[in-house]
C-alpha atoms as a PDB file:
ATOM      1  CA  UNK A   1      -0.015  -0.029  -0.076  1.00  0.00           C
ATOM      2  CA  UNK A   2       1.283   3.384  -0.999  1.00  0.00           C
ATOM      3  CA  UNK A   3       1.986   6.235   1.685  1.00  0.00           C
ATOM      4  CA  UNK A   4      -1.299   7.969   1.720  1.00  0.00           C
ATOM      5  CA  UNK A   5      -1.839   9.477   5.340  1.00  0.00           C
ATOM      6  CA  UNK A   6      -0.648  13.030   4.819  1.00  0.00           C
ATOM      7  CA  UNK A   7       0.417  15.030   7.989  1.00  0.00           C
ATOM      8  CA  UNK A   8       1.130  18.815   7.985  1.00  0.00           C
ATOM      9  CA  UNK A   9       2.870  20.687  10.659  1.00  0.00           C
ATOM     10  CA  UNK A  10       2.390  24.402  10.934  1.00  0.00           C
ATOM     11  CA  UNK A  11       5.095  26.546   9.667  1.00  0.00           C
ATOM     12  CA  UNK A  12       6.062  27.976  13.108  1.00  0.00           C
ATOM     13  CA  UNK A  13       7.857  24.941  13.955  1.00  0.00           C
ATOM     14  CA  UNK A  14      10.547  26.061  11.565  1.00  0.00           C
ATOM     15  CA  UNK A  15      12.993  28.921  11.444  1.00  0.00           C
ATOM     16  CA  UNK A  16      12.876  31.446   8.656  1.00  0.00           C
ATOM     17  CA  UNK A  17      15.636  29.458   6.820  1.00  0.00           C
ATOM     18  CA  UNK A  18      13.597  26.368   6.920  1.00  0.00           C
ATOM     19  CA  UNK A  19      15.498  24.517   9.762  1.00  0.00           C
ATOM     20  CA  UNK A  20      13.700  23.169  12.845  1.00  0.00           C
ATOM     21  CA  UNK A  21      13.383  25.555  15.640  1.00  0.00           C
ATOM     22  CA  UNK A  22      13.030  22.901  18.489  1.00  0.00           C
ATOM     23  CA  UNK A  23      15.357  19.943  19.322  1.00  0.00           C
ATOM     24  CA  UNK A  24      12.879  17.323  19.429  1.00  0.00           C
ATOM     25  CA  UNK A  25       9.136  17.314  18.635  1.00  0.00           C
ATOM     26  CA  UNK A  26       8.549  13.517  18.323  1.00  0.00           C
ATOM     27  CA  UNK A  27       9.171  13.342  14.522  1.00  0.00           C
ATOM     28  CA  UNK A  28      11.100  10.036  15.110  1.00  0.00           C
ATOM     29  CA  UNK A  29       7.781   8.455  15.629  1.00  0.00           C
ATOM     30  CA  UNK A  30       6.400   9.728  12.408  1.00  0.00           C
ATOM     31  CA  UNK A  31       9.553   8.560  10.476  1.00  0.00           C
ATOM     32  CA  UNK A  32       8.958   5.026  11.658  1.00  0.00           C
ATOM     33  CA  UNK A  33       5.283   4.920  10.929  1.00  0.00           C
ATOM     34  CA  UNK A  34       4.202   2.914   7.983  1.00  0.00           C
ATOM     35  CA  UNK A  35       2.225   4.561   5.176  1.00  0.00           C
ATOM     36  CA  UNK A  36       2.387   7.939   6.609  1.00  0.00           C
ATOM     37  CA  UNK A  37       4.330  11.031   5.452  1.00  0.00           C
ATOM     38  CA  UNK A  38       4.634  14.582   6.880  1.00  0.00           C
ATOM     39  CA  UNK A  39       5.519  17.939   5.738  1.00  0.00           C
ATOM     40  CA  UNK A  40       5.322  21.596   6.929  1.00  0.00           C
ATOM     41  CA  UNK A  41       3.021  24.431   5.811  1.00  0.00           C
ATOM     42  CA  UNK A  42       4.953  26.626   3.305  1.00  0.00           C
ATOM     43  CA  UNK A  43       4.302  29.764   5.133  1.00  0.00           C
ATOM     44  CA  UNK A  44       3.230  30.914   8.557  1.00  0.00           C
ATOM     45  CA  UNK A  45      -0.174  32.489   8.891  1.00  0.00           C
ATOM     46  CA  UNK A  46      -1.800  33.630  12.154  1.00  0.00           C
ATOM     47  CA  UNK A  47      -4.914  31.873  10.866  1.00  0.00           C
ATOM     48  CA  UNK A  48      -4.833  28.663   8.883  1.00  0.00           C
ATOM     49  CA  UNK A  49      -6.245  29.189   5.389  1.00  0.00           C
ATOM     50  CA  UNK A  50      -8.337  26.592   3.519  1.00  0.00           C
ATOM     51  CA  UNK A  51      -5.536  26.226   0.869  1.00  0.00           C
ATOM     52  CA  UNK A  52      -3.149  25.007   3.383  1.00  0.00           C
ATOM     53  CA  UNK A  53      -5.375  21.983   4.189  1.00  0.00           C
ATOM     54  CA  UNK A  54      -5.441  20.676   0.626  1.00  0.00           C
ATOM     55  CA  UNK A  55      -4.566  16.903   0.484  1.00  0.00           C
ATOM     56  CA  UNK A  56      -4.173  16.692   4.259  1.00  0.00           C
ATOM     57  CA  UNK A  57      -5.440  14.195   6.671  1.00  0.00           C
ATOM     58  CA  UNK A  58      -4.192  15.621   9.869  1.00  0.00           C
ATOM     59  CA  UNK A  59      -2.322  18.739  11.127  1.00  0.00           C
ATOM     60  CA  UNK A  60      -0.235  19.422  14.183  1.00  0.00           C
ATOM     61  CA  UNK A  61      -0.812  22.994  15.053  1.00  0.00           C
ATOM     62  CA  UNK A  62       1.382  25.111  17.267  1.00  0.00           C
ATOM     63  CA  UNK A  63       0.067  28.757  17.344  1.00  0.00           C
ATOM     64  CA  UNK A  64      -2.148  29.504  14.394  1.00  0.00           C
ATOM     65  CA  UNK A  65      -5.871  30.088  14.905  1.00  0.00           C
ATOM     66  CA  UNK A  66      -8.438  27.511  13.334  1.00  0.00           C
ATOM     67  CA  UNK A  67     -11.754  29.229  12.456  1.00  0.00           C
ATOM     68  CA  UNK A  68     -14.943  28.332  10.535  1.00  0.00           C
ATOM     69  CA  UNK A  69     -13.409  29.863   7.432  1.00  0.00           C
ATOM     70  CA  UNK A  70     -10.372  27.684   7.869  1.00  0.00           C
ATOM     71  CA  UNK A  71     -12.499  24.515   7.513  1.00  0.00           C
ATOM     72  CA  UNK A  72     -14.775  25.710   4.959  1.00  0.00           C
ATOM     73  CA  UNK A  73     -13.649  23.123   2.494  1.00  0.00           C
ATOM     74  CA  UNK A  74     -11.793  20.653   4.521  1.00  0.00           C
ATOM     75  CA  UNK A  75     -13.269  17.599   3.039  1.00  0.00           C
ATOM     76  CA  UNK A  76     -10.414  15.238   3.691  1.00  0.00           C
ATOM     77  CA  UNK A  77      -9.028  16.819   6.929  1.00  0.00           C
ATOM     78  CA  UNK A  78      -9.932  14.609   9.882  1.00  0.00           C
ATOM     79  CA  UNK A  79      -7.837  15.713  12.939  1.00  0.00           C
ATOM     80  CA  UNK A  80      -6.274  18.833  14.215  1.00  0.00           C
ATOM     81  CA  UNK A  81      -3.762  18.001  17.062  1.00  0.00           C
ATOM     82  CA  UNK A  82      -3.250  21.126  19.111  1.00  0.00           C
ATOM     83  CA  UNK A  83       0.350  21.247  20.351  1.00  0.00           C
ATOM     84  CA  UNK A  84      -0.569  22.060  23.902  1.00  0.00           C
ATOM     85  CA  UNK A  85      -3.475  21.798  26.108  1.00  0.00           C
ATOM     86  CA  UNK A  86      -5.308  25.193  25.577  1.00  0.00           C
ATOM     87  CA  UNK A  87      -7.523  25.318  22.509  1.00  0.00           C
ATOM     88  CA  UNK A  88      -9.173  28.601  22.887  1.00  0.00           C
ATOM     89  CA  UNK A  89      -7.473  29.465  19.476  1.00  0.00           C
ATOM     90  CA  UNK A  90      -9.574  26.702  17.863  1.00  0.00           C
ATOM     91  CA  UNK A  91     -13.212  27.110  17.023  1.00  0.00           C
ATOM     92  CA  UNK A  92     -14.328  23.781  18.422  1.00  0.00           C
ATOM     93  CA  UNK A  93     -17.982  23.768  17.140  1.00  0.00           C
ATOM     94  CA  UNK A  94     -16.551  24.478  13.433  1.00  0.00           C
ATOM     95  CA  UNK A  95     -14.293  21.259  13.849  1.00  0.00           C
ATOM     96  CA  UNK A  96     -17.208  19.228  14.926  1.00  0.00           C
ATOM     97  CA  UNK A  97     -19.376  20.624  12.151  1.00  0.00           C
ATOM     98  CA  UNK A  98     -16.650  19.850   9.672  1.00  0.00           C
ATOM     99  CA  UNK A  99     -16.197  16.094  10.940  1.00  0.00           C
ATOM    100  CA  UNK A 100     -12.809  17.088  12.246  1.00  0.00           C
ATOM    101  CA  UNK A 101     -11.480  15.665  15.359  1.00  0.00           C
ATOM    102  CA  UNK A 102      -9.674  18.101  17.713  1.00  0.00           C
ATOM    103  CA  UNK A 103      -7.061  16.701  20.079  1.00  0.00           C
ATOM    104  CA  UNK A 104      -4.904  18.229  22.795  1.00  0.00           C
ATOM    105  CA  UNK A 105      -1.575  16.949  24.101  1.00  0.00           C
ATOM    106  CA  UNK A 106      -3.118  16.207  27.517  1.00  0.00           C
ATOM    107  CA  UNK A 107      -0.590  15.793  30.362  1.00  0.00           C
ATOM    108  CA  UNK A 108       2.359  16.966  28.301  1.00  0.00           C
ATOM    109  CA  UNK A 109       2.594  20.270  29.978  1.00  0.00           C
ATOM    110  CA  UNK A 110       1.866  19.390  33.582  1.00  0.00           C
ATOM    111  CA  UNK A 111       5.427  19.146  35.010  1.00  0.00           C
ATOM    112  CA  UNK A 112       6.849  21.932  32.840  1.00  0.00           C
ATOM    113  CA  UNK A 113       4.108  24.512  33.664  1.00  0.00           C
ATOM    114  CA  UNK A 114       4.221  23.628  37.315  1.00  0.00           C
ATOM    115  CA  UNK A 115       7.819  24.258  37.379  1.00  0.00           C
ATOM    116  CA  UNK A 116       7.421  27.481  35.591  1.00  0.00           C
ATOM    117  CA  UNK A 117       5.068  28.637  38.277  1.00  0.00           C
ATOM    118  CA  UNK A 118       7.477  27.873  41.037  1.00  0.00           C
ATOM    119  CA  UNK A 119      10.032  29.844  39.031  1.00  0.00           C
ATOM    120  CA  UNK A 120       7.860  32.728  39.140  1.00  0.00           C
ATOM    121  CA  UNK A 121       7.073  32.384  42.771  1.00  0.00           C
ATOM    122  CA  UNK A 122      10.657  32.387  43.862  1.00  0.00           C
ATOM    123  CA  UNK A 123      11.710  35.038  41.342  1.00  0.00           C
ATOM    124  CA  UNK A 124       9.188  37.678  42.314  1.00  0.00           C
ATOM    125  CA  UNK A 125       9.057  36.923  45.930  1.00  0.00           C
ATOM    126  CA  UNK A 126      12.827  37.568  46.233  1.00  0.00           C
ATOM    127  CA  UNK A 127      12.871  40.573  43.874  1.00  0.00           C
ATOM    128  CA  UNK A 128      15.092  38.979  41.365  1.00  0.00           C
ATOM    129  CA  UNK A 129      14.265  41.252  38.545  1.00  0.00           C
ATOM    130  CA  UNK A 130      14.961  44.393  40.625  1.00  0.00           C
ATOM    131  CA  UNK A 131      18.149  42.864  42.247  1.00  0.00           C
ATOM    132  CA  UNK A 132      19.523  42.028  38.649  1.00  0.00           C
ATOM    133  CA  UNK A 133      18.987  45.512  37.627  1.00  0.00           C
ATOM    134  CA  UNK A 134      20.796  46.911  40.851  1.00  0.00           C
ATOM    135  CA  UNK A 135      23.912  45.140  39.851  1.00  0.00           C
ATOM    136  CA  UNK A 136      23.774  46.019  36.294  1.00  0.00           C
ATOM    137  CA  UNK A 137      23.068  49.721  37.059  1.00  0.00           C
ATOM    138  CA  UNK A 138      25.735  50.124  39.688  1.00  0.00           C
ATOM    139  CA  UNK A 139      23.109  50.567  42.562  1.00  0.00           C
ATOM    140  CA  UNK A 140      24.693  48.030  44.858  1.00  0.00           C
ATOM    141  CA  UNK A 141      24.018  50.049  48.022  1.00  0.00           C
ATOM    142  CA  UNK A 142      20.238  50.152  47.357  1.00  0.00           C
ATOM    143  CA  UNK A 143      19.892  46.278  47.949  1.00  0.00           C
ATOM    144  CA  UNK A 144      18.553  46.891  51.541  1.00  0.00           C
ATOM    145  CA  UNK A 145      15.415  48.534  50.113  1.00  0.00           C
ATOM    146  CA  UNK A 146      14.437  45.438  48.294  1.00  0.00           C
ATOM    147  CA  UNK A 147      14.173  42.712  50.950  1.00  0.00           C
ATOM    148  CA  UNK A 148      12.384  39.660  49.662  1.00  0.00           C
ATOM    149  CA  UNK A 149      10.159  37.066  51.323  1.00  0.00           C
ATOM    150  CA  UNK A 150      10.448  33.282  51.550  1.00  0.00           C
ATOM    151  CA  UNK A 151       7.909  30.680  50.596  1.00  0.00           C
ATOM    152  CA  UNK A 152       8.209  29.210  53.955  1.00  0.00           C
ATOM    153  CA  UNK A 153       4.781  29.523  55.948  1.00  0.00           C
ATOM    154  CA  UNK A 154       3.006  31.041  53.070  1.00  0.00           C
ATOM    155  CA  UNK A 155      -0.173  29.761  51.418  1.00  0.00           C
ATOM    156  CA  UNK A 156      -0.378  28.840  47.693  1.00  0.00           C
ATOM    157  CA  UNK A 157      -3.945  29.065  46.187  1.00  0.00           C
ATOM    158  CA  UNK A 158      -4.396  27.341  42.974  1.00  0.00           C
ATOM    159  CA  UNK A 159      -7.327  28.219  40.577  1.00  0.00           C
ATOM    160  CA  UNK A 160      -7.966  25.166  38.473  1.00  0.00           C
ATOM    161  CA  UNK A 161      -6.751  21.868  40.145  1.00  0.00           C
ATOM    162  CA  UNK A 162      -6.247  19.922  36.898  1.00  0.00           C
ATOM    163  CA  UNK A 163      -3.164  18.265  35.755  1.00  0.00           C
ATOM    164  CA  UNK A 164      -0.972  21.341  36.106  1.00  0.00           C
ATOM    165  CA  UNK A 165      -2.502  22.424  39.500  1.00  0.00           C
ATOM    166  CA  UNK A 166      -2.011  18.873  40.860  1.00  0.00           C
ATOM    167  CA  UNK A 167       1.659  18.795  39.803  1.00  0.00           C
ATOM    168  CA  UNK A 168       2.097  22.253  41.317  1.00  0.00           C
ATOM    169  CA  UNK A 169       0.622  21.157  44.578  1.00  0.00           C
ATOM    170  CA  UNK A 170       3.131  18.561  45.025  1.00  0.00           C
ATOM    171  CA  UNK A 171       6.002  20.613  44.183  1.00  0.00           C
ATOM    172  CA  UNK A 172       5.657  23.105  47.070  1.00  0.00           C
ATOM    173  CA  UNK A 173       6.094  20.366  49.733  1.00  0.00           C
ATOM    174  CA  UNK A 174       9.827  20.939  49.987  1.00  0.00           C
ATOM    175  CA  UNK A 175       9.509  24.636  50.554  1.00  0.00           C
ATOM    176  CA  UNK A 176       7.702  24.162  54.074  1.00  0.00           C
ATOM    177  CA  UNK A 177       4.754  26.047  52.751  1.00  0.00           C
ATOM    178  CA  UNK A 178       1.283  25.745  54.495  1.00  0.00           C
ATOM    179  CA  UNK A 179      -1.347  23.302  53.106  1.00  0.00           C
ATOM    180  CA  UNK A 180      -2.302  24.238  49.560  1.00  0.00           C
ATOM    181  CA  UNK A 181      -5.863  25.513  48.827  1.00  0.00           C
ATOM    182  CA  UNK A 182      -7.581  25.497  45.398  1.00  0.00           C
ATOM    183  CA  UNK A 183     -10.696  26.672  43.755  1.00  0.00           C
ATOM    184  CA  UNK A 184     -12.100  24.215  41.178  1.00  0.00           C
ATOM    185  CA  UNK A 185     -16.025  23.991  41.006  1.00  0.00           C
ATOM    186  CA  UNK A 186     -15.683  20.761  38.794  1.00  0.00           C
ATOM    187  CA  UNK A 187     -13.566  18.730  41.145  1.00  0.00           C
ATOM    188  CA  UNK A 188     -15.082  16.623  44.091  1.00  0.00           C
ATOM    189  CA  UNK A 189     -13.579  17.693  47.568  1.00  0.00           C
ATOM    190  CA  UNK A 190     -12.768  14.117  48.202  1.00  0.00           C
ATOM    191  CA  UNK A 191     -10.534  13.986  44.997  1.00  0.00           C
ATOM    192  CA  UNK A 192      -8.613  17.072  46.135  1.00  0.00           C
ATOM    193  CA  UNK A 193      -8.152  15.734  49.629  1.00  0.00           C
ATOM    194  CA  UNK A 194      -6.490  12.769  48.229  1.00  0.00           C
ATOM    195  CA  UNK A 195      -3.539  14.888  47.144  1.00  0.00           C
ATOM    196  CA  UNK A 196      -3.584  17.042  50.201  1.00  0.00           C
ATOM    197  CA  UNK A 197      -5.431  20.141  48.868  1.00  0.00           C
ATOM    198  CA  UNK A 198      -8.286  21.785  50.384  1.00  0.00           C
ATOM    199  CA  UNK A 199     -11.025  23.096  48.088  1.00  0.00           C
ATOM    200  CA  UNK A 200     -12.502  26.588  48.899  1.00  0.00           C
ATOM    201  CA  UNK A 201     -14.572  29.017  47.212  1.00  0.00           C
ATOM    202  CA  UNK A 202     -12.973  31.830  45.056  1.00  0.00           C
ATOM    203  CA  UNK A 203     -13.532  34.545  47.680  1.00  0.00           C
ATOM    204  CA  UNK A 204     -11.790  32.559  50.380  1.00  0.00           C
ATOM    205  CA  UNK A 205      -8.910  31.677  48.186  1.00  0.00           C
ATOM    206  CA  UNK A 206      -8.310  35.310  47.112  1.00  0.00           C
ATOM    207  CA  UNK A 207      -8.488  36.346  50.693  1.00  0.00           C
ATOM    208  CA  UNK A 208      -6.196  33.712  52.059  1.00  0.00           C
ATOM    209  CA  UNK A 209      -3.584  32.942  49.529  1.00  0.00           C
ATOM    210  CA  UNK A 210      -0.073  34.553  49.542  1.00  0.00           C
ATOM    211  CA  UNK A 211       0.404  33.323  45.836  1.00  0.00           C
ATOM    212  CA  UNK A 212      -2.662  32.928  43.593  1.00  0.00           C
ATOM    213  CA  UNK A 213      -1.690  30.694  40.751  1.00  0.00           C
ATOM    214  CA  UNK A 214      -4.207  30.716  37.719  1.00  0.00           C
ATOM    215  CA  UNK A 215      -4.160  27.141  35.998  1.00  0.00           C
ATOM    216  CA  UNK A 216      -7.625  26.967  34.486  1.00  0.00           C
ATOM    217  CA  UNK A 217      -8.567  27.108  30.799  1.00  0.00           C
ATOM    218  CA  UNK A 218     -10.073  30.251  29.107  1.00  0.00           C
ATOM    219  CA  UNK A 219     -13.781  29.709  28.574  1.00  0.00           C
ATOM    220  CA  UNK A 220     -16.803  31.981  28.631  1.00  0.00           C
ATOM    221  CA  UNK A 221     -17.089  30.962  32.330  1.00  0.00           C
ATOM    222  CA  UNK A 222     -13.493  32.055  33.272  1.00  0.00           C
ATOM    223  CA  UNK A 223     -13.169  35.201  31.109  1.00  0.00           C
ATOM    224  CA  UNK A 224     -12.412  38.031  33.702  1.00  0.00           C
ATOM    225  CA  UNK A 225     -12.755  35.658  36.402  1.00  0.00           C
ATOM    226  CA  UNK A 226     -10.255  37.598  38.206  1.00  0.00           C
ATOM    227  CA  UNK A 227     -11.507  41.093  38.263  1.00  0.00           C
ATOM    228  CA  UNK A 228     -11.706  44.228  40.388  1.00  0.00           C
ATOM    229  CA  UNK A 229     -13.671  42.610  42.941  1.00  0.00           C
ATOM    230  CA  UNK A 230     -11.465  39.489  43.276  1.00  0.00           C
ATOM    231  CA  UNK A 231      -8.152  41.434  43.302  1.00  0.00           C
ATOM    232  CA  UNK A 232      -9.535  43.796  45.967  1.00  0.00           C
ATOM    233  CA  UNK A 233      -9.796  40.733  48.301  1.00  0.00           C
ATOM    234  CA  UNK A 234      -5.993  39.819  47.969  1.00  0.00           C
ATOM    235  CA  UNK A 235      -3.578  40.653  50.807  1.00  0.00           C
ATOM    236  CA  UNK A 236      -1.245  43.636  50.109  1.00  0.00           C
ATOM    237  CA  UNK A 237       1.578  41.167  50.467  1.00  0.00           C
ATOM    238  CA  UNK A 238       0.278  38.707  47.993  1.00  0.00           C
ATOM    239  CA  UNK A 239       1.299  37.889  44.427  1.00  0.00           C
ATOM    240  CA  UNK A 240      -0.683  36.873  41.269  1.00  0.00           C
ATOM    241  CA  UNK A 241       0.711  34.341  38.831  1.00  0.00           C
ATOM    242  CA  UNK A 242      -0.798  33.693  35.528  1.00  0.00           C
ATOM    243  CA  UNK A 243       0.513  30.957  33.368  1.00  0.00           C
ATOM    244  CA  UNK A 244      -2.810  29.961  31.845  1.00  0.00           C
ATOM    245  CA  UNK A 245      -4.410  32.425  29.433  1.00  0.00           C
ATOM    246  CA  UNK A 246      -4.731  36.121  29.039  1.00  0.00           C
ATOM    247  CA  UNK A 247      -8.328  37.050  29.485  1.00  0.00           C
ATOM    248  CA  UNK A 248      -8.945  35.187  32.605  1.00  0.00           C
ATOM    249  CA  UNK A 249      -7.538  38.074  34.482  1.00  0.00           C
ATOM    250  CA  UNK A 250      -8.954  41.642  33.759  1.00  0.00           C
ATOM    251  CA  UNK A 251      -5.679  43.584  33.053  1.00  0.00           C
ATOM    252  CA  UNK A 252      -7.168  47.046  33.593  1.00  0.00           C
ATOM    253  CA  UNK A 253      -8.025  45.949  37.151  1.00  0.00           C
ATOM    254  CA  UNK A 254      -4.695  44.222  37.651  1.00  0.00           C
ATOM    255  CA  UNK A 255      -2.932  47.274  36.420  1.00  0.00           C
ATOM    256  CA  UNK A 256      -4.845  49.556  38.981  1.00  0.00           C
ATOM    257  CA  UNK A 257      -3.998  47.274  42.023  1.00  0.00           C
ATOM    258  CA  UNK A 258      -0.364  46.930  40.951  1.00  0.00           C
ATOM    259  CA  UNK A 259       0.133  50.713  40.406  1.00  0.00           C
ATOM    260  CA  UNK A 260      -1.491  51.478  43.837  1.00  0.00           C
ATOM    261  CA  UNK A 261       0.539  48.666  45.543  1.00  0.00           C
ATOM    262  CA  UNK A 262      -2.613  46.959  46.750  1.00  0.00           C
ATOM    263  CA  UNK A 263      -0.859  43.690  46.037  1.00  0.00           C
ATOM    264  CA  UNK A 264       2.712  42.992  46.305  1.00  0.00           C
ATOM    265  CA  UNK A 265       3.193  41.935  42.558  1.00  0.00           C
ATOM    266  CA  UNK A 266       2.451  39.759  39.589  1.00  0.00           C
ATOM    267  CA  UNK A 267       4.108  37.364  37.330  1.00  0.00           C
ATOM    268  CA  UNK A 268       2.428  37.045  33.919  1.00  0.00           C
ATOM    269  CA  UNK A 269       3.242  34.602  31.116  1.00  0.00           C
ATOM    270  CA  UNK A 270      -0.127  35.341  29.463  1.00  0.00           C
ATOM    271  CA  UNK A 271      -1.729  38.568  28.297  1.00  0.00           C
ATOM    272  CA  UNK A 272      -4.922  39.735  26.949  1.00  0.00           C
ATOM    273  CA  UNK A 273      -3.194  40.875  23.711  1.00  0.00           C
ATOM    274  CA  UNK A 274      -0.260  38.795  22.340  1.00  0.00           C
ATOM    275  CA  UNK A 275       2.151  40.020  21.289  1.00  0.00           C
ATOM    276  CA  UNK A 276       1.809  42.828  24.056  1.00  0.00           C
ATOM    277  CA  UNK A 277       1.557  46.309  22.627  1.00  0.00           C
ATOM    278  CA  UNK A 278       4.569  48.772  22.625  1.00  0.00           C
ATOM    279  CA  UNK A 279       2.677  50.845  25.314  1.00  0.00           C
ATOM    280  CA  UNK A 280       1.886  48.073  27.440  1.00  0.00           C
ATOM    281  CA  UNK A 281       1.360  49.807  30.915  1.00  0.00           C
ATOM    282  CA  UNK A 282       1.999  46.681  33.084  1.00  0.00           C
ATOM    283  CA  UNK A 283       5.578  46.337  31.538  1.00  0.00           C
ATOM    284  CA  UNK A 284       6.461  49.651  32.984  1.00  0.00           C
ATOM    285  CA  UNK A 285       6.053  48.381  36.563  1.00  0.00           C
ATOM    286  CA  UNK A 286       8.847  47.141  38.901  1.00  0.00           C
ATOM    287  CA  UNK A 287       6.587  44.665  40.827  1.00  0.00           C
ATOM    288  CA  UNK A 288       5.901  42.595  37.807  1.00  0.00           C
ATOM    289  CA  UNK A 289       7.860  39.856  36.060  1.00  0.00           C
ATOM    290  CA  UNK A 290       6.677  39.195  32.453  1.00  0.00           C
ATOM    291  CA  UNK A 291       7.397  36.301  29.937  1.00  0.00           C
ATOM    292  CA  UNK A 292       6.130  36.080  26.251  1.00  0.00           C
ATOM    293  CA  UNK A 293       3.720  33.064  26.815  1.00  0.00           C
ATOM    294  CA  UNK A 294       6.889  30.766  26.894  1.00  0.00           C
ATOM    295  CA  UNK A 295       7.854  30.570  30.568  1.00  0.00           C
ATOM    296  CA  UNK A 296       7.255  26.785  30.493  1.00  0.00           C
ATOM    297  CA  UNK A 297       8.815  26.175  27.065  1.00  0.00           C
ATOM    298  CA  UNK A 298      11.641  23.839  27.593  1.00  0.00           C
ATOM    299  CA  UNK A 299      13.243  21.160  25.436  1.00  0.00           C
ATOM    300  CA  UNK A 300      11.741  18.477  27.615  1.00  0.00           C
ATOM    301  CA  UNK A 301       8.250  19.881  27.345  1.00  0.00           C
ATOM    302  CA  UNK A 302       8.432  20.170  23.476  1.00  0.00           C
ATOM    303  CA  UNK A 303       9.861  16.564  23.261  1.00  0.00           C
ATOM    304  CA  UNK A 304       6.931  15.276  25.491  1.00  0.00           C
ATOM    305  CA  UNK A 305       4.194  17.173  23.489  1.00  0.00           C
ATOM    306  CA  UNK A 306       5.652  16.140  20.179  1.00  0.00           C
ATOM    307  CA  UNK A 307       5.641  12.541  21.226  1.00  0.00           C
ATOM    308  CA  UNK A 308       1.922  12.877  22.237  1.00  0.00           C
ATOM    309  CA  UNK A 309       1.000  14.777  19.030  1.00  0.00           C
ATOM    310  CA  UNK A 310       2.823  12.360  16.706  1.00  0.00           C
ATOM    311  CA  UNK A 311       1.302   9.315  18.463  1.00  0.00           C
ATOM    312  CA  UNK A 312      -2.101  10.818  17.873  1.00  0.00           C
ATOM    313  CA  UNK A 313      -1.589  11.069  14.295  1.00  0.00           C
ATOM    314  CA  UNK A 314      -0.211   7.630  13.897  1.00  0.00           C
ATOM    315  CA  UNK A 315      -3.350   6.214  15.854  1.00  0.00           C
ATOM    316  CA  UNK A 316      -5.692   8.078  13.546  1.00  0.00           C
ATOM    317  CA  UNK A 317      -3.883   6.774  10.437  1.00  0.00           C
ATOM    318  CA  UNK A 318      -4.576   3.219  11.728  1.00  0.00           C
ATOM    319  CA  UNK A 319      -8.275   3.930  12.273  1.00  0.00           C
ATOM    320  CA  UNK A 320      -7.917   4.399  16.070  1.00  0.00           C
ATOM    321  CA  UNK A 321      -9.460   7.066  18.142  1.00  0.00           C
ATOM    322  CA  UNK A 322      -6.436   8.759  19.764  1.00  0.00           C
ATOM    323  CA  UNK A 323      -6.172   9.988  23.325  1.00  0.00           C
ATOM    324  CA  UNK A 324      -6.855  13.637  24.140  1.00  0.00           C
ATOM    325  CA  UNK A 325     -10.044  14.261  22.196  1.00  0.00           C
ATOM    326  CA  UNK A 326     -11.498  17.722  23.037  1.00  0.00           C
ATOM    327  CA  UNK A 327     -14.690  17.457  20.849  1.00  0.00           C
ATOM    328  CA  UNK A 328     -16.194  14.175  21.660  1.00  0.00           C
ATOM    329  CA  UNK A 329     -19.370  15.109  19.937  1.00  0.00           C
ATOM    330  CA  UNK A 330     -17.652  14.525  16.591  1.00  0.00           C
ATOM    331  CA  UNK A 331     -17.055  10.888  17.340  1.00  0.00           C
ATOM    332  CA  UNK A 332     -20.720   9.820  16.579  1.00  0.00           C
ATOM    333  CA  UNK A 333     -21.050  11.790  13.460  1.00  0.00           C
ATOM    334  CA  UNK A 334     -21.442   9.826  10.423  1.00  0.00           C
ATOM    335  CA  UNK A 335     -18.965  11.943   8.288  1.00  0.00           C
ATOM    336  CA  UNK A 336     -16.216  11.582  10.868  1.00  0.00           C
ATOM    337  CA  UNK A 337     -16.802   7.773  11.189  1.00  0.00           C
ATOM    338  CA  UNK A 338     -16.559   7.367   7.285  1.00  0.00           C
ATOM    339  CA  UNK A 339     -13.146   9.014   7.465  1.00  0.00           C
ATOM    340  CA  UNK A 340     -12.016   6.833  10.290  1.00  0.00           C
ATOM    341  CA  UNK A 341     -13.221   3.745   8.647  1.00  0.00           C
ATOM    342  CA  UNK A 342     -11.357   4.598   5.561  1.00  0.00           C
ATOM    343  CA  UNK A 343      -8.129   4.654   7.552  1.00  0.00           C
ATOM    344  CA  UNK A 344      -9.029   1.400   9.373  1.00  0.00           C
ATOM    345  CA  UNK A 345      -9.543  -0.289   6.007  1.00  0.00           C
ATOM    346  CA  UNK A 346      -6.045   0.722   4.870  1.00  0.00           C
ATOM    347  CA  UNK A 347      -4.173  -0.278   8.089  1.00  0.00           C
END
């Protein structure tokens, strides 16, 4: 049987000269897969266009958006593997309507993002950014004005106790912190208790936590979840950390409390507008650490995500439902089942 299952990766996996940007994204798995070939999009677009999907069975997508217009003529396309766990950049309903399976690389980011939150917690509470500047600017004698605070005896509050939040709750054990608290309306208290976390309501978390770590997805329900009222509940010594998605935190409200020193500071990997505008007001503040939605990007994380995404495409090419399905409603659609049966009959 000829190689017929066609996989395409978005062009943002490549440098401008066509070389691979990342050390390992699991392509060795695809190289060994029978009756499967892969290539990259010719150009990078912020939104995938219909012409890029011609003669394509599956795509592995890093950053481009997928909209209804993207899928307007995607008769052959059967799967979009989102390289990560967030999928707010993908029109899920449009995928289902087009008989296209949407998968995420579930579990692949848990350790890396949790470690990144710990990095933020330590850096911001010890004024790392400011102390680095003191040395570079020859202001050594100003160091006493920027005393840090330890994690010891502090409380971590996690918003969203999924895979990342669970990994994070375990990481803090070695820092002699108080028991972790979390807000997650979808998780039973008994399940949280099994990992030593107490579930509380959002108001209690905001009032109690010394570090508020946001680890929930961006949905209609979580947009502006942390706004003026919630931020006003925080201690003046507390820090806000967002490694989830911009839009969960209302940035205008956050800017206000940071400028007025109503909270101690914030560490933000995610922003309402990305890339951030040149006049980004939050970037002018000393009590903020920023990252370009990449604080958790490590060679190890991309290796793990790549292995998951590549295995998903291999499974589909053999007529199997891969792990990590985000739109389970598509599984029962006759159009999707017809595509799947075609692959199964070739395997």
